[in-house]
């Protein structure tokens, strides 16, 4: 068994996905559902997620864990989805994308070659602050 590839509170490292999730969480959960089921994404899934958001989010999280052999429990899934719903949904979108289930969420690429982010444990991983510091040729005293 493995752990999640991204920490649950690392959602701010992907600001666009986080913003989309905060504004359209039911649609983001529906997009994940369609990806997990290899089904067409449409209004039916959005309506189901809108009216049954906690259930749909917990079910997605459970299925992602089962599919990718990730440690956890059903109770832990429910706790994450009910108390940290947006962060859990972003984590799930990133996990799906990282494991090759495309698209992992709304506005995420279906192309395997394009990555909007890198895994935190990769040697080339850079935070947003690292990128800002590289672009400046001067030191702040």
Protein backbone atom coordinates (compact mmCIF):
# COMPACT_ATOMS: atom_id res chain seq x y z
CA UNK A 1 0.00 0.00 0.00
CA UNK A 2 1.14 3.51 -0.71
CA UNK A 3 0.32 6.99 0.52
CA UNK A 4 -1.30 9.80 -1.40
CA UNK A 5 1.23 11.36 -3.79
CA UNK A 6 0.33 14.88 -2.63
CA UNK A 7 -0.45 16.12 0.88
CA UNK A 8 -4.05 17.15 1.51
CA UNK A 9 -3.14 20.72 2.47
CA UNK A 10 -0.85 21.23 -0.55
CA UNK A 11 -3.77 22.54 -2.59
CA UNK A 12 -2.33 26.08 -2.77
CA UNK A 13 0.55 24.83 -4.90
CA UNK A 14 -1.97 24.50 -7.75
CA UNK A 15 -3.89 27.77 -7.42
CA UNK A 16 -5.98 27.43 -10.59
CA UNK A 17 -7.24 23.95 -9.70
CA UNK A 18 -7.93 25.17 -6.15
CA UNK A 19 -9.88 28.18 -7.39
CA UNK A 20 -11.96 26.08 -9.78
CA UNK A 21 -12.65 23.58 -7.00
CA UNK A 22 -13.72 26.27 -4.52
CA UNK A 23 -16.04 27.89 -7.06
CA UNK A 24 -17.43 24.73 -8.69
CA UNK A 25 -16.84 21.87 -6.25
CA UNK A 26 -19.85 19.78 -7.39
CA UNK A 27 -18.71 20.00 -11.01
CA UNK A 28 -15.13 19.13 -10.06
CA UNK A 29 -16.39 16.06 -8.15
CA UNK A 30 -18.58 15.14 -11.15
CA UNK A 31 -15.58 15.44 -13.50
CA UNK A 32 -13.62 13.06 -11.25
CA UNK A 33 -16.58 10.67 -11.19
CA UNK A 34 -16.72 10.64 -15.00
CA UNK A 35 -12.98 10.01 -15.19
CA UNK A 36 -13.17 7.15 -12.68
CA UNK A 37 -16.09 5.55 -14.52
CA UNK A 38 -14.66 6.31 -17.99
CA UNK A 39 -17.98 7.94 -18.72
CA UNK A 40 -19.01 11.10 -20.55
CA UNK A 41 -19.04 14.22 -18.39
CA UNK A 42 -22.40 15.95 -18.39
CA UNK A 43 -25.22 17.66 -16.55
CA UNK A 44 -26.45 14.43 -14.94
CA UNK A 45 -23.20 13.97 -13.03
CA UNK A 46 -23.13 17.65 -12.02
CA UNK A 47 -26.70 17.45 -10.70
CA UNK A 48 -25.95 14.24 -8.78
CA UNK A 49 -22.84 15.83 -7.26
CA UNK A 50 -24.72 19.04 -6.47
CA UNK A 51 -27.48 17.28 -4.54
CA UNK A 52 -25.32 14.53 -3.02
CA UNK A 53 -21.94 16.28 -2.73
CA UNK A 54 -20.64 14.67 0.50
CA UNK A 55 -21.65 11.20 -0.69
CA UNK A 56 -20.23 11.68 -4.20
CA UNK A 57 -16.95 13.11 -2.87
CA UNK A 58 -16.51 10.27 -0.34
CA UNK A 59 -17.31 7.69 -2.99
CA UNK A 60 -14.74 9.20 -5.38
CA UNK A 61 -12.10 9.25 -2.66
CA UNK A 62 -12.79 5.64 -1.75
CA UNK A 63 -12.62 4.52 -5.39
CA UNK A 64 -9.38 6.41 -6.00
CA UNK A 65 -7.84 4.76 -2.92
CA UNK A 66 -9.04 1.31 -4.00
CA UNK A 67 -7.89 1.72 -7.61
CA UNK A 68 -4.41 2.96 -6.72
CA UNK A 69 -3.93 0.93 -3.52
CA UNK A 70 -3.62 3.98 -1.25
CA UNK A 71 -3.72 3.66 2.54
CA UNK A 72 -6.80 4.90 4.36
CA UNK A 73 -10.26 4.04 5.60
CA UNK A 74 -13.80 4.87 4.57
CA UNK A 75 -14.23 6.85 7.78
CA UNK A 76 -11.07 8.82 6.97
CA UNK A 77 -12.44 9.49 3.48
CA UNK A 78 -15.68 10.88 4.94
CA UNK A 79 -13.83 13.01 7.48
CA UNK A 80 -11.58 14.49 4.77
CA UNK A 81 -14.47 15.19 2.42
CA UNK A 82 -16.74 16.71 5.08
CA UNK A 83 -14.22 18.88 6.94
CA UNK A 84 -11.63 19.61 4.26
CA UNK A 85 -13.77 19.13 1.15
CA UNK A 86 -12.05 21.51 -1.24
CA UNK A 87 -8.56 20.41 -0.22
CA UNK A 88 -9.56 16.73 -0.52
CA UNK A 89 -11.10 17.33 -3.96
CA UNK A 90 -7.95 19.11 -5.19
CA UNK A 91 -5.81 16.28 -3.80
CA UNK A 92 -7.99 13.75 -5.62
CA UNK A 93 -7.79 15.68 -8.90
CA UNK A 94 -4.01 15.86 -8.66
CA UNK A 95 -3.76 12.16 -7.74
CA UNK A 96 -5.90 11.09 -10.70
CA UNK A 97 -3.84 13.23 -13.04
CA UNK A 98 -0.53 12.05 -11.60
CA UNK A 99 -1.53 8.38 -11.83
CA UNK A 100 -2.54 8.81 -15.47
CA UNK A 101 -6.33 9.02 -15.16
CA UNK A 102 -6.96 11.99 -17.44
CA UNK A 103 -8.47 14.46 -16.93
CA UNK A 104 -8.26 14.53 -13.15
CA UNK A 105 -10.53 17.54 -12.92
CA UNK A 106 -12.12 20.47 -14.68
CA UNK A 107 -9.80 22.33 -17.07
CA UNK A 108 -7.01 19.78 -16.59
CA UNK A 109 -5.24 18.46 -19.66
CA UNK A 110 -6.06 15.12 -21.22
CA UNK A 111 -2.53 15.03 -22.67
CA UNK A 112 0.01 12.85 -20.83
CA UNK A 113 2.92 15.08 -21.79
CA UNK A 114 1.61 18.25 -20.18
CA UNK A 115 1.92 18.61 -16.41
CA UNK A 116 0.80 21.73 -14.60
CA UNK A 117 2.79 20.71 -11.54
CA UNK A 118 5.54 18.41 -10.40
CA UNK A 119 5.54 15.85 -7.64
CA UNK A 120 6.94 17.40 -4.42
CA UNK A 121 9.50 14.59 -4.06
CA UNK A 122 10.90 14.98 -7.57
CA UNK A 123 14.42 16.46 -7.76
CA UNK A 124 13.22 19.30 -10.02
CA UNK A 125 10.30 20.35 -7.78
CA UNK A 126 10.17 24.11 -7.25
CA UNK A 127 7.84 26.18 -5.19
CA UNK A 128 6.37 29.40 -6.46
CA UNK A 129 8.87 31.33 -4.32
CA UNK A 130 11.80 29.45 -5.90
CA UNK A 131 10.59 30.54 -9.34
CA UNK A 132 10.29 34.16 -8.21
CA UNK A 133 13.82 34.14 -6.79
CA UNK A 134 15.27 32.70 -10.02
CA UNK A 135 13.75 35.48 -12.07
CA UNK A 136 15.40 38.22 -10.00
CA UNK A 137 19.06 38.96 -10.66
CA UNK A 138 19.51 40.89 -7.42
CA UNK A 139 19.58 40.05 -3.75
CA UNK A 140 17.28 41.75 -1.28
CA UNK A 141 19.18 43.02 1.73
